[in-house]
PDB file of N, CA and C in Angstrom:
ATOM      1  N   UNK A   1       0.862  -1.146  -0.040  1.00  0.00           N
ATOM      2  CA  UNK A   1      -0.013  -0.089  -0.167  1.00  0.00           C
ATOM      3  C   UNK A   1       0.669   1.335  -0.085  1.00  0.00           C
ATOM      4  N   UNK A   2       1.871   1.173   0.740  1.00  0.00           N
ATOM      5  CA  UNK A   2       2.807   2.539   0.867  1.00  0.00           C
ATOM      6  C   UNK A   2       3.591   2.643  -0.290  1.00  0.00           C
ATOM      7  N   UNK A   3       3.999   1.480  -0.991  1.00  0.00           N
ATOM      8  CA  UNK A   3       4.741   1.658  -2.281  1.00  0.00           C
ATOM      9  C   UNK A   3       3.920   2.173  -3.289  1.00  0.00           C
ATOM     10  N   UNK A   4       2.645   1.897  -3.337  1.00  0.00           N
ATOM     11  CA  UNK A   4       1.677   2.341  -4.304  1.00  0.00           C
ATOM     12  C   UNK A   4       1.433   3.757  -4.165  1.00  0.00           C
ATOM     13  N   UNK A   5       1.426   4.213  -3.013  1.00  0.00           N
ATOM     14  CA  UNK A   5       1.254   5.760  -2.728  1.00  0.00           C
ATOM     15  C   UNK A   5       2.442   6.617  -3.201  1.00  0.00           C
ATOM     16  N   UNK A   6       3.569   6.067  -2.945  1.00  0.00           N
ATOM     17  CA  UNK A   6       4.845   6.704  -3.399  1.00  0.00           C
ATOM     18  C   UNK A   6       4.790   6.632  -4.950  1.00  0.00           C
ATOM     19  N   UNK A   7       4.548   5.601  -5.539  1.00  0.00           N
ATOM     20  CA  UNK A   7       4.628   5.607  -7.086  1.00  0.00           C
ATOM     21  C   UNK A   7       3.565   6.441  -7.636  1.00  0.00           C
ATOM     22  N   UNK A   8       2.393   6.591  -6.868  1.00  0.00           N
ATOM     23  CA  UNK A   8       1.345   7.628  -7.462  1.00  0.00           C
ATOM     24  C   UNK A   8       1.782   8.968  -7.225  1.00  0.00           C
ATOM     25  N   UNK A   9       2.316   9.257  -6.187  1.00  0.00           N
ATOM     26  CA  UNK A   9       2.879  10.607  -5.917  1.00  0.00           C
ATOM     27  C   UNK A   9       3.946  10.942  -7.005  1.00  0.00           C
ATOM     28  N   UNK A  10       4.955  10.108  -7.219  1.00  0.00           N
ATOM     29  CA  UNK A  10       5.880  10.251  -8.233  1.00  0.00           C
ATOM     30  C   UNK A  10       5.507  10.386  -9.660  1.00  0.00           C
ATOM     31  N   UNK A  11       4.356   9.595  -9.996  1.00  0.00           N
ATOM     32  CA  UNK A  11       3.625   9.685 -11.252  1.00  0.00           C
ATOM     33  C   UNK A  11       3.124  10.950 -11.511  1.00  0.00           C
ATOM     34  N   UNK A  12       2.314  11.532 -10.434  1.00  0.00           N
ATOM     35  CA  UNK A  12       1.675  12.823 -10.398  1.00  0.00           C
ATOM     36  C   UNK A  12       2.633  13.907 -10.563  1.00  0.00           C
ATOM     37  N   UNK A  13       3.752  13.817  -9.885  1.00  0.00           N
ATOM     38  CA  UNK A  13       4.741  15.003  -9.961  1.00  0.00           C
ATOM     39  C   UNK A  13       5.359  14.941 -11.401  1.00  0.00           C
ATOM     40  N   UNK A  14       5.624  13.971 -12.011  1.00  0.00           N
ATOM     41  CA  UNK A  14       6.203  13.653 -13.360  1.00  0.00           C
ATOM     42  C   UNK A  14       5.203  14.302 -14.464  1.00  0.00           C
ATOM     43  N   UNK A  15       3.925  13.945 -14.096  1.00  0.00           N
ATOM     44  CA  UNK A  15       2.837  14.444 -14.930  1.00  0.00           C
ATOM     45  C   UNK A  15       2.714  15.979 -14.971  1.00  0.00           C
ATOM     46  N   UNK A  16       2.919  16.535 -13.640  1.00  0.00           N
ATOM     47  CA  UNK A  16       2.916  17.909 -13.571  1.00  0.00           C
ATOM     48  C   UNK A  16       3.978  18.696 -14.267  1.00  0.00           C
ATOM     49  N   UNK A  17       5.016  18.056 -14.237  1.00  0.00           N
ATOM     50  CA  UNK A  17       6.222  18.714 -14.838  1.00  0.00           C
ATOM     51  C   UNK A  17       6.159  18.955 -16.221  1.00  0.00           C
ATOM     52  N   UNK A  18       5.348  17.853 -16.896  1.00  0.00           N
ATOM     53  CA  UNK A  18       5.417  17.770 -18.241  1.00  0.00           C
ATOM     54  C   UNK A  18       4.314  18.673 -18.837  1.00  0.00           C
ATOM     55  N   UNK A  19       3.508  19.351 -18.060  1.00  0.00           N
ATOM     56  CA  UNK A  19       2.515  20.188 -18.447  1.00  0.00           C
ATOM     57  C   UNK A  19       3.042  21.685 -18.895  1.00  0.00           C
ATOM     58  N   UNK A  20       2.285  22.353 -19.778  1.00  0.00           N
ATOM     59  CA  UNK A  20       2.700  23.858 -20.161  1.00  0.00           C
ATOM     60  C   UNK A  20       2.951  24.589 -18.793  1.00  0.00           C
ATOM     61  N   UNK A  21       3.592  25.763 -19.039  1.00  0.00           N
ATOM     62  CA  UNK A  21       3.884  26.538 -17.864  1.00  0.00           C
ATOM     63  C   UNK A  21       2.567  27.026 -17.308  1.00  0.00           C
ATOM     64  N   UNK A  22       2.504  26.968 -15.932  1.00  0.00           N
ATOM     65  CA  UNK A  22       1.237  27.250 -15.276  1.00  0.00           C
ATOM     66  C   UNK A  22       1.431  28.534 -14.493  1.00  0.00           C
ATOM     67  N   UNK A  23       0.555  29.569 -14.552  1.00  0.00           N
ATOM     68  CA  UNK A  23       0.590  30.820 -13.727  1.00  0.00           C
ATOM     69  C   UNK A  23      -0.673  30.817 -13.089  1.00  0.00           C
ATOM     70  N   UNK A  24      -0.693  30.703 -11.808  1.00  0.00           N
ATOM     71  CA  UNK A  24      -2.112  30.789 -10.963  1.00  0.00           C
ATOM     72  C   UNK A  24      -2.885  29.673 -11.499  1.00  0.00           C
ATOM     73  N   UNK A  25      -2.511  28.566 -11.832  1.00  0.00           N
ATOM     74  CA  UNK A  25      -3.185  27.620 -12.282  1.00  0.00           C
ATOM     75  C   UNK A  25      -3.671  27.762 -13.758  1.00  0.00           C
ATOM     76  N   UNK A  26      -3.192  28.592 -14.578  1.00  0.00           N
ATOM     77  CA  UNK A  26      -3.531  28.781 -16.014  1.00  0.00           C
ATOM     78  C   UNK A  26      -2.551  28.473 -16.789  1.00  0.00           C
ATOM     79  N   UNK A  27      -2.555  27.794 -18.001  1.00  0.00           N
ATOM     80  CA  UNK A  27      -1.578  27.577 -18.888  1.00  0.00           C
ATOM     81  C   UNK A  27      -1.142  28.781 -19.628  1.00  0.00           C
ATOM     82  N   UNK A  28      -0.012  29.200 -19.842  1.00  0.00           N
ATOM     83  CA  UNK A  28       0.457  30.361 -20.564  1.00  0.00           C
ATOM     84  C   UNK A  28       1.090  29.830 -21.817  1.00  0.00           C
ATOM     85  N   UNK A  29       1.373  30.674 -22.660  1.00  0.00           N
ATOM     86  CA  UNK A  29       2.149  30.513 -23.983  1.00  0.00           C
ATOM     87  C   UNK A  29       3.053  31.661 -24.228  1.00  0.00           C
ATOM     88  N   UNK A  30       4.130  31.475 -24.931  1.00  0.00           N
ATOM     89  CA  UNK A  30       4.946  32.607 -25.100  1.00  0.00           C
ATOM     90  C   UNK A  30       4.391  33.485 -25.879  1.00  0.00           C
ATOM     91  N   UNK A  31       4.833  34.881 -25.715  1.00  0.00           N
ATOM     92  CA  UNK A  31       4.157  35.984 -26.650  1.00  0.00           C
ATOM     93  C   UNK A  31       5.284  36.932 -26.980  1.00  0.00           C
ATOM     94  N   UNK A  32       6.413  36.503 -27.472  1.00  0.00           N
ATOM     95  CA  UNK A  32       7.426  37.280 -27.724  1.00  0.00           C
ATOM     96  C   UNK A  32       8.035  38.173 -26.483  1.00  0.00           C
ATOM     97  N   UNK A  33       8.423  39.399 -26.942  1.00  0.00           N
ATOM     98  CA  UNK A  33       9.021  40.397 -25.919  1.00  0.00           C
ATOM     99  C   UNK A  33       8.623  41.677 -26.101  1.00  0.00           C
ATOM    100  N   UNK A  34       8.454  42.516 -24.995  1.00  0.00           N
ATOM    101  CA  UNK A  34       8.247  43.817 -25.094  1.00  0.00           C
ATOM    102  C   UNK A  34       9.318  44.377 -25.935  1.00  0.00           C
ATOM    103  N   UNK A  35       9.135  45.499 -26.494  1.00  0.00           N
ATOM    104  CA  UNK A  35      10.246  46.148 -27.376  1.00  0.00           C
ATOM    105  C   UNK A  35      10.203  47.640 -27.263  1.00  0.00           C
ATOM    106  N   UNK A  36      11.050  48.306 -26.708  1.00  0.00           N
ATOM    107  CA  UNK A  36      11.270  49.644 -26.684  1.00  0.00           C
ATOM    108  C   UNK A  36      12.784  50.004 -26.416  1.00  0.00           C
ATOM    109  N   UNK A  37      13.005  51.335 -26.264  1.00  0.00           N
ATOM    110  CA  UNK A  37      14.386  51.554 -26.121  1.00  0.00           C
ATOM    111  C   UNK A  37      14.827  51.296 -24.711  1.00  0.00           C
ATOM    112  N   UNK A  38      14.160  50.953 -23.739  1.00  0.00           N
ATOM    113  CA  UNK A  38      14.572  50.822 -22.405  1.00  0.00           C
ATOM    114  C   UNK A  38      14.577  49.340 -22.082  1.00  0.00           C
ATOM    115  N   UNK A  39      13.581  48.611 -22.429  1.00  0.00           N
ATOM    116  CA  UNK A  39      13.749  47.032 -21.995  1.00  0.00           C
ATOM    117  C   UNK A  39      13.033  46.246 -23.083  1.00  0.00           C
ATOM    118  N   UNK A  40      13.600  45.055 -23.135  1.00  0.00           N
ATOM    119  CA  UNK A  40      13.076  43.913 -24.018  1.00  0.00           C
ATOM    120  C   UNK A  40      12.752  42.719 -22.905  1.00  0.00           C
ATOM    121  N   UNK A  41      11.698  42.587 -22.537  1.00  0.00           N
ATOM    122  CA  UNK A  41      11.310  41.462 -21.532  1.00  0.00           C
ATOM    123  C   UNK A  41      10.419  40.430 -22.210  1.00  0.00           C
ATOM    124  N   UNK A  42      10.697  39.249 -21.893  1.00  0.00           N
ATOM    125  CA  UNK A  42       9.909  38.188 -22.563  1.00  0.00           C
ATOM    126  C   UNK A  42       8.535  38.150 -21.860  1.00  0.00           C
ATOM    127  N   UNK A  43       7.526  37.860 -22.533  1.00  0.00           N
ATOM    128  CA  UNK A  43       6.173  37.845 -22.053  1.00  0.00           C
ATOM    129  C   UNK A  43       5.453  36.601 -22.447  1.00  0.00           C
ATOM    130  N   UNK A  44       4.545  36.018 -21.380  1.00  0.00           N
ATOM    131  CA  UNK A  44       3.788  35.035 -21.620  1.00  0.00           C
ATOM    132  C   UNK A  44       2.243  35.467 -21.199  1.00  0.00           C
ATOM    133  N   UNK A  45       1.355  34.728 -21.761  1.00  0.00           N
ATOM    134  CA  UNK A  45       0.045  34.904 -21.404  1.00  0.00           C
ATOM    135  C   UNK A  45      -0.959  33.682 -21.702  1.00  0.00           C
ATOM    136  N   UNK A  46      -1.961  33.739 -20.973  1.00  0.00           N
ATOM    137  CA  UNK A  46      -3.087  32.750 -21.334  1.00  0.00           C
ATOM    138  C   UNK A  46      -3.618  32.874 -22.565  1.00  0.00           C
ATOM    139  N   UNK A  47      -4.278  31.697 -23.124  1.00  0.00           N
ATOM    140  CA  UNK A  47      -4.747  31.872 -24.346  1.00  0.00           C
ATOM    141  C   UNK A  47      -5.975  33.034 -24.679  1.00  0.00           C
ATOM    142  N   UNK A  48      -6.551  33.315 -23.474  1.00  0.00           N
ATOM    143  CA  UNK A  48      -7.833  34.302 -23.592  1.00  0.00           C
ATOM    144  C   UNK A  48      -7.179  35.789 -23.449  1.00  0.00           C
ATOM    145  N   UNK A  49      -5.855  35.893 -23.673  1.00  0.00           N
ATOM    146  CA  UNK A  49      -5.284  37.388 -23.649  1.00  0.00           C
ATOM    147  C   UNK A  49      -4.376  37.390 -24.893  1.00  0.00           C
ATOM    148  N   UNK A  50      -4.619  38.325 -25.821  1.00  0.00           N
ATOM    149  CA  UNK A  50      -3.921  38.427 -27.000  1.00  0.00           C
ATOM    150  C   UNK A  50      -2.422  38.661 -26.746  1.00  0.00           C
ATOM    151  N   UNK A  51      -1.539  38.324 -27.690  1.00  0.00           N
ATOM    152  CA  UNK A  51       0.073  38.501 -27.225  1.00  0.00           C
ATOM    153  C   UNK A  51       0.182  39.902 -27.335  1.00  0.00           C
ATOM    154  N   UNK A  52      -0.431  40.774 -28.272  1.00  0.00           N
ATOM    155  CA  UNK A  52      -0.227  42.256 -28.391  1.00  0.00           C
ATOM    156  C   UNK A  52      -0.710  42.935 -27.172  1.00  0.00           C
ATOM    157  N   UNK A  53      -1.730  42.443 -26.756  1.00  0.00           N
ATOM    158  CA  UNK A  53      -2.356  43.023 -25.316  1.00  0.00           C
ATOM    159  C   UNK A  53      -1.461  42.772 -24.182  1.00  0.00           C
ATOM    160  N   UNK A  54      -0.908  41.561 -24.052  1.00  0.00           N
ATOM    161  CA  UNK A  54      -0.168  40.967 -23.054  1.00  0.00           C
ATOM    162  C   UNK A  54       1.211  41.908 -23.100  1.00  0.00           C
ATOM    163  N   UNK A  55       1.857  42.062 -24.214  1.00  0.00           N
ATOM    164  CA  UNK A  55       3.185  42.756 -24.341  1.00  0.00           C
ATOM    165  C   UNK A  55       2.849  44.316 -23.994  1.00  0.00           C
ATOM    166  N   UNK A  56       1.713  44.920 -24.467  1.00  0.00           N
ATOM    167  CA  UNK A  56       1.424  46.300 -24.165  1.00  0.00           C
ATOM    168  C   UNK A  56       1.133  46.517 -22.688  1.00  0.00           C
ATOM    169  N   UNK A  57       0.552  45.531 -22.009  1.00  0.00           N
ATOM    170  CA  UNK A  57       0.291  45.525 -20.485  1.00  0.00           C
ATOM    171  C   UNK A  57       1.682  45.487 -19.728  1.00  0.00           C
ATOM    172  N   UNK A  58       2.485  44.600 -20.053  1.00  0.00           N
ATOM    173  CA  UNK A  58       3.902  44.380 -19.352  1.00  0.00           C
ATOM    174  C   UNK A  58       4.595  45.789 -19.616  1.00  0.00           C
ATOM    175  N   UNK A  59       4.719  46.226 -20.897  1.00  0.00           N
ATOM    176  CA  UNK A  59       5.522  47.325 -21.145  1.00  0.00           C
ATOM    177  C   UNK A  59       4.942  48.722 -20.352  1.00  0.00           C
ATOM    178  N   UNK A  60       3.550  48.714 -20.307  1.00  0.00           N
ATOM    179  CA  UNK A  60       2.997  49.862 -19.413  1.00  0.00           C
ATOM    180  C   UNK A  60       3.422  49.716 -17.951  1.00  0.00           C
ATOM    181  N   UNK A  61       3.511  48.419 -17.447  1.00  0.00           N
ATOM    182  CA  UNK A  61       3.771  48.235 -16.049  1.00  0.00           C
ATOM    183  C   UNK A  61       5.220  48.722 -15.747  1.00  0.00           C
ATOM    184  N   UNK A  62       6.193  48.346 -16.752  1.00  0.00           N
ATOM    185  CA  UNK A  62       7.616  48.529 -16.614  1.00  0.00           C
ATOM    186  C   UNK A  62       7.945  50.005 -16.901  1.00  0.00           C
ATOM    187  N   UNK A  63       7.556  50.594 -17.966  1.00  0.00           N
ATOM    188  CA  UNK A  63       7.846  52.022 -18.303  1.00  0.00           C
ATOM    189  C   UNK A  63       6.734  53.012 -18.727  1.00  0.00           C
ATOM    190  N   UNK A  64       5.424  52.511 -18.442  1.00  0.00           N
ATOM    191  CA  UNK A  64       4.316  53.426 -18.726  1.00  0.00           C
ATOM    192  C   UNK A  64       4.380  54.644 -18.065  1.00  0.00           C
ATOM    193  N   UNK A  65       3.494  55.624 -18.604  1.00  0.00           N
ATOM    194  CA  UNK A  65       3.531  56.934 -17.781  1.00  0.00           C
ATOM    195  C   UNK A  65       2.514  56.992 -16.733  1.00  0.00           C
ATOM    196  N   UNK A  66       1.269  56.900 -16.654  1.00  0.00           N
ATOM    197  CA  UNK A  66       0.267  56.822 -15.767  1.00  0.00           C
ATOM    198  C   UNK A  66      -0.737  55.818 -15.877  1.00  0.00           C
ATOM    199  N   UNK A  67      -1.055  55.239 -14.853  1.00  0.00           N
ATOM    200  CA  UNK A  67      -0.553  55.080 -13.578  1.00  0.00           C
ATOM    201  C   UNK A  67       0.917  54.356 -13.663  1.00  0.00           C
ATOM    202  N   UNK A  68       1.618  54.705 -12.852  1.00  0.00           N
ATOM    203  CA  UNK A  68       3.237  54.022 -12.999  1.00  0.00           C
ATOM    204  C   UNK A  68       3.335  52.881 -11.805  1.00  0.00           C
ATOM    205  N   UNK A  69       3.875  51.894 -12.247  1.00  0.00           N
ATOM    206  CA  UNK A  69       3.975  50.911 -11.201  1.00  0.00           C
ATOM    207  C   UNK A  69       5.323  50.618 -10.682  1.00  0.00           C
ATOM    208  N   UNK A  70       6.402  51.185 -11.504  1.00  0.00           N
ATOM    209  CA  UNK A  70       7.817  51.080 -11.188  1.00  0.00           C
ATOM    210  C   UNK A  70       8.413  52.384 -10.895  1.00  0.00           C
ATOM    211  N   UNK A  71       8.968  52.625  -9.678  1.00  0.00           N
ATOM    212  CA  UNK A  71       9.475  53.901  -9.298  1.00  0.00           C
ATOM    213  C   UNK A  71      10.821  53.733  -9.157  1.00  0.00           C
ATOM    214  N   UNK A  72      11.695  54.898  -8.878  1.00  0.00           N
ATOM    215  CA  UNK A  72      13.040  54.744  -8.614  1.00  0.00           C
ATOM    216  C   UNK A  72      13.246  54.141  -7.293  1.00  0.00           C
ATOM    217  N   UNK A  73      12.274  54.113  -6.430  1.00  0.00           N
ATOM    218  CA  UNK A  73      12.520  53.533  -4.950  1.00  0.00           C
ATOM    219  C   UNK A  73      11.722  52.178  -4.797  1.00  0.00           C
ATOM    220  N   UNK A  74      11.409  51.710  -5.920  1.00  0.00           N
ATOM    221  CA  UNK A  74      10.723  50.299  -5.910  1.00  0.00           C
ATOM    222  C   UNK A  74       9.539  50.110  -6.731  1.00  0.00           C
ATOM    223  N   UNK A  75       8.828  48.931  -6.569  1.00  0.00           N
ATOM    224  CA  UNK A  75       7.771  48.529  -7.293  1.00  0.00           C
ATOM    225  C   UNK A  75       6.523  48.380  -6.427  1.00  0.00           C
ATOM    226  N   UNK A  76       5.339  48.856  -6.951  1.00  0.00           N
ATOM    227  CA  UNK A  76       4.114  48.699  -6.194  1.00  0.00           C
ATOM    228  C   UNK A  76       3.020  48.342  -7.040  1.00  0.00           C
ATOM    229  N   UNK A  77       2.037  47.450  -6.386  1.00  0.00           N
ATOM    230  CA  UNK A  77       0.828  46.970  -7.242  1.00  0.00           C
ATOM    231  C   UNK A  77       0.109  48.175  -7.729  1.00  0.00           C
ATOM    232  N   UNK A  78      -0.455  47.828  -8.986  1.00  0.00           N
ATOM    233  CA  UNK A  78      -1.298  48.798  -9.617  1.00  0.00           C
ATOM    234  C   UNK A  78      -2.303  48.251 -10.495  1.00  0.00           C
ATOM    235  N   UNK A  79      -3.253  48.908 -11.040  1.00  0.00           N
ATOM    236  CA  UNK A  79      -4.279  48.439 -11.962  1.00  0.00           C
ATOM    237  C   UNK A  79      -3.992  49.184 -13.328  1.00  0.00           C
ATOM    238  N   UNK A  80      -3.954  48.228 -14.242  1.00  0.00           N
ATOM    239  CA  UNK A  80      -3.748  48.603 -15.683  1.00  0.00           C
ATOM    240  C   UNK A  80      -4.645  48.055 -16.494  1.00  0.00           C
ATOM    241  N   UNK A  81      -5.516  48.767 -17.319  1.00  0.00           N
ATOM    242  CA  UNK A  81      -6.438  48.005 -18.189  1.00  0.00           C
ATOM    243  C   UNK A  81      -7.321  47.018 -17.599  1.00  0.00           C
ATOM    244  N   UNK A  82      -7.736  47.415 -16.379  1.00  0.00           N
ATOM    245  CA  UNK A  82      -8.580  46.598 -15.449  1.00  0.00           C
ATOM    246  C   UNK A  82      -7.766  45.178 -15.099  1.00  0.00           C
ATOM    247  N   UNK A  83      -6.536  45.117 -15.131  1.00  0.00           N
ATOM    248  CA  UNK A  83      -5.744  43.951 -14.561  1.00  0.00           C
ATOM    249  C   UNK A  83      -5.031  44.414 -13.380  1.00  0.00           C
ATOM    250  N   UNK A  84      -5.136  43.453 -12.444  1.00  0.00           N
ATOM    251  CA  UNK A  84      -4.265  43.885 -11.036  1.00  0.00           C
ATOM    252  C   UNK A  84      -2.803  43.356 -11.329  1.00  0.00           C
ATOM    253  N   UNK A  85      -1.957  44.191 -11.400  1.00  0.00           N
ATOM    254  CA  UNK A  85      -0.400  43.981 -11.599  1.00  0.00           C
ATOM    255  C   UNK A  85       0.373  43.958 -10.444  1.00  0.00           C
ATOM    256  N   UNK A  86       1.300  43.073 -10.397  1.00  0.00           N
ATOM    257  CA  UNK A  86       2.268  43.108  -9.221  1.00  0.00           C
ATOM    258  C   UNK A  86       3.511  42.775  -9.722  1.00  0.00           C
ATOM    259  N   UNK A  87       4.581  43.386  -8.975  1.00  0.00           N
ATOM    260  CA  UNK A  87       6.004  42.967  -9.591  1.00  0.00           C
ATOM    261  C   UNK A  87       6.836  42.503  -8.401  1.00  0.00           C
ATOM    262  N   UNK A  88       7.848  41.756  -8.653  1.00  0.00           N
ATOM    263  CA  UNK A  88       8.815  41.436  -7.562  1.00  0.00           C
ATOM    264  C   UNK A  88      10.270  41.592  -8.125  1.00  0.00           C
ATOM    265  N   UNK A  89      10.952  42.409  -7.398  1.00  0.00           N
ATOM    266  CA  UNK A  89      12.312  42.736  -7.772  1.00  0.00           C
ATOM    267  C   UNK A  89      13.317  42.008  -6.911  1.00  0.00           C
ATOM    268  N   UNK A  90      14.038  41.088  -7.529  1.00  0.00           N
ATOM    269  CA  UNK A  90      15.118  40.236  -6.733  1.00  0.00           C
ATOM    270  C   UNK A  90      16.321  40.517  -7.289  1.00  0.00           C
ATOM    271  N   UNK A  91      16.869  41.637  -7.149  1.00  0.00           N
ATOM    272  CA  UNK A  91      18.273  41.897  -7.605  1.00  0.00           C
ATOM    273  C   UNK A  91      18.241  42.085  -9.329  1.00  0.00           C
ATOM    274  N   UNK A  92      18.695  41.206  -9.878  1.00  0.00           N
ATOM    275  CA  UNK A  92      18.706  41.184 -11.252  1.00  0.00           C
ATOM    276  C   UNK A  92      17.630  40.597 -11.974  1.00  0.00           C
ATOM    277  N   UNK A  93      16.681  40.027 -11.218  1.00  0.00           N
ATOM    278  CA  UNK A  93      15.548  39.454 -11.680  1.00  0.00           C
ATOM    279  C   UNK A  93      14.297  40.200 -11.431  1.00  0.00           C
ATOM    280  N   UNK A  94      13.530  40.438 -12.415  1.00  0.00           N
ATOM    281  CA  UNK A  94      12.146  41.319 -12.112  1.00  0.00           C
ATOM    282  C   UNK A  94      11.035  40.463 -12.678  1.00  0.00           C
ATOM    283  N   UNK A  95      10.134  40.202 -11.778  1.00  0.00           N
ATOM    284  CA  UNK A  95       9.088  39.198 -12.345  1.00  0.00           C
ATOM    285  C   UNK A  95       7.837  40.187 -12.241  1.00  0.00           C
ATOM    286  N   UNK A  96       6.888  40.064 -13.233  1.00  0.00           N
ATOM    287  CA  UNK A  96       5.664  40.826 -13.357  1.00  0.00           C
ATOM    288  C   UNK A  96       4.626  39.995 -13.586  1.00  0.00           C
ATOM    289  N   UNK A  97       3.397  40.088 -12.902  1.00  0.00           N
ATOM    290  CA  UNK A  97       2.151  39.272 -13.111  1.00  0.00           C
ATOM    291  C   UNK A  97       0.897  40.268 -13.183  1.00  0.00           C
ATOM    292  N   UNK A  98       0.163  40.080 -14.249  1.00  0.00           N
ATOM    293  CA  UNK A  98      -0.959  41.006 -14.248  1.00  0.00           C
ATOM    294  C   UNK A  98      -2.117  39.954 -14.369  1.00  0.00           C
ATOM    295  N   UNK A  99      -3.223  40.100 -13.525  1.00  0.00           N
ATOM    296  CA  UNK A  99      -4.488  39.205 -13.518  1.00  0.00           C
ATOM    297  C   UNK A  99      -5.567  39.878 -13.738  1.00  0.00           C
ATOM    298  N   UNK A 100      -6.541  39.236 -14.415  1.00  0.00           N
ATOM    299  CA  UNK A 100      -7.962  39.813 -14.405  1.00  0.00           C
ATOM    300  C   UNK A 100      -8.810  38.644 -14.595  1.00  0.00           C
ATOM    301  N   UNK A 101      -9.275  38.263 -13.424  1.00  0.00           N
ATOM    302  CA  UNK A 101     -10.168  36.916 -13.494  1.00  0.00           C
ATOM    303  C   UNK A 101      -9.287  35.882 -13.893  1.00  0.00           C
ATOM    304  N   UNK A 102      -9.699  35.112 -15.090  1.00  0.00           N
ATOM    305  CA  UNK A 102      -8.816  33.960 -15.438  1.00  0.00           C
ATOM    306  C   UNK A 102      -7.860  34.370 -16.610  1.00  0.00           C
ATOM    307  N   UNK A 103      -7.602  35.605 -16.737  1.00  0.00           N
ATOM    308  CA  UNK A 103      -6.827  36.239 -17.699  1.00  0.00           C
ATOM    309  C   UNK A 103      -5.458  36.523 -17.084  1.00  0.00           C
ATOM    310  N   UNK A 104      -4.339  36.021 -17.579  1.00  0.00           N
ATOM    311  CA  UNK A 104      -3.082  36.303 -17.017  1.00  0.00           C
ATOM    312  C   UNK A 104      -2.008  36.725 -18.022  1.00  0.00           C
ATOM    313  N   UNK A 105      -1.156  37.848 -17.732  1.00  0.00           N
ATOM    314  CA  UNK A 105      -0.079  38.158 -18.659  1.00  0.00           C
ATOM    315  C   UNK A 105       1.087  38.215 -17.590  1.00  0.00           C
ATOM    316  N   UNK A 106       2.231  37.656 -17.957  1.00  0.00           N
ATOM    317  CA  UNK A 106       3.382  37.481 -16.934  1.00  0.00           C
ATOM    318  C   UNK A 106       4.692  37.937 -17.780  1.00  0.00           C
ATOM    319  N   UNK A 107       5.730  38.188 -16.881  1.00  0.00           N
ATOM    320  CA  UNK A 107       7.109  38.209 -17.584  1.00  0.00           C
ATOM    321  C   UNK A 107       8.016  38.155 -16.540  1.00  0.00           C
ATOM    322  N   UNK A 108       9.053  37.513 -16.757  1.00  0.00           N
ATOM    323  CA  UNK A 108      10.381  37.346 -15.784  1.00  0.00           C
ATOM    324  C   UNK A 108      11.495  37.941 -16.557  1.00  0.00           C
ATOM    325  N   UNK A 109      11.978  38.968 -16.193  1.00  0.00           N
ATOM    326  CA  UNK A 109      13.175  39.476 -16.918  1.00  0.00           C
ATOM    327  C   UNK A 109      14.387  39.456 -16.060  1.00  0.00           C
ATOM    328  N   UNK A 110      15.617  39.153 -16.637  1.00  0.00           N
ATOM    329  CA  UNK A 110      16.895  39.036 -15.926  1.00  0.00           C
ATOM    330  C   UNK A 110      17.815  39.987 -16.616  1.00  0.00           C
ATOM    331  N   UNK A 111      18.374  40.861 -15.781  1.00  0.00           N
ATOM    332  CA  UNK A 111      19.204  41.883 -16.341  1.00  0.00           C
ATOM    333  C   UNK A 111      19.139  43.277 -15.546  1.00  0.00           C
ATOM    334  N   UNK A 112      19.953  44.118 -15.872  1.00  0.00           N
ATOM    335  CA  UNK A 112      19.948  45.322 -14.997  1.00  0.00           C
ATOM    336  C   UNK A 112      18.549  46.255 -15.684  1.00  0.00           C
ATOM    337  N   UNK A 113      17.959  46.880 -14.752  1.00  0.00           N
ATOM    338  CA  UNK A 113      16.592  47.548 -15.083  1.00  0.00           C
ATOM    339  C   UNK A 113      16.863  49.177 -14.462  1.00  0.00           C
ATOM    340  N   UNK A 114      16.765  49.983 -15.317  1.00  0.00           N
ATOM    341  CA  UNK A 114      16.587  51.385 -14.908  1.00  0.00           C
ATOM    342  C   UNK A 114      15.644  51.899 -15.807  1.00  0.00           C
ATOM    343  N   UNK A 115      14.937  52.994 -14.991  1.00  0.00           N
ATOM    344  CA  UNK A 115      13.865  53.709 -15.656  1.00  0.00           C
ATOM    345  C   UNK A 115      14.458  55.041 -16.061  1.00  0.00           C
TER     346      UNK A 115
END
């Protein structure tokens, strides 16, 4: 019985690792990268978010004008295009996640970031 439980757990873990990237329980797909003179960050989104919309949203989070989510003194949660966006700055890694219901746009960018 115990051996079957361990095998079941291992099988479940292997199956989970084989799935597409999951963000908040939703499968995301690659959507290219934001592109401007300041930053080129890779973007992922759920199928119910257009790639162009996801890139625009992430770019607005990073270098948009108003409302602004990234400041010289840090990052704060904000609302953009009715998405709740949060960011995490861990040294050279910046992670951004914007969520609106079951719609998700995300980016994880590695490198120096200055606004």
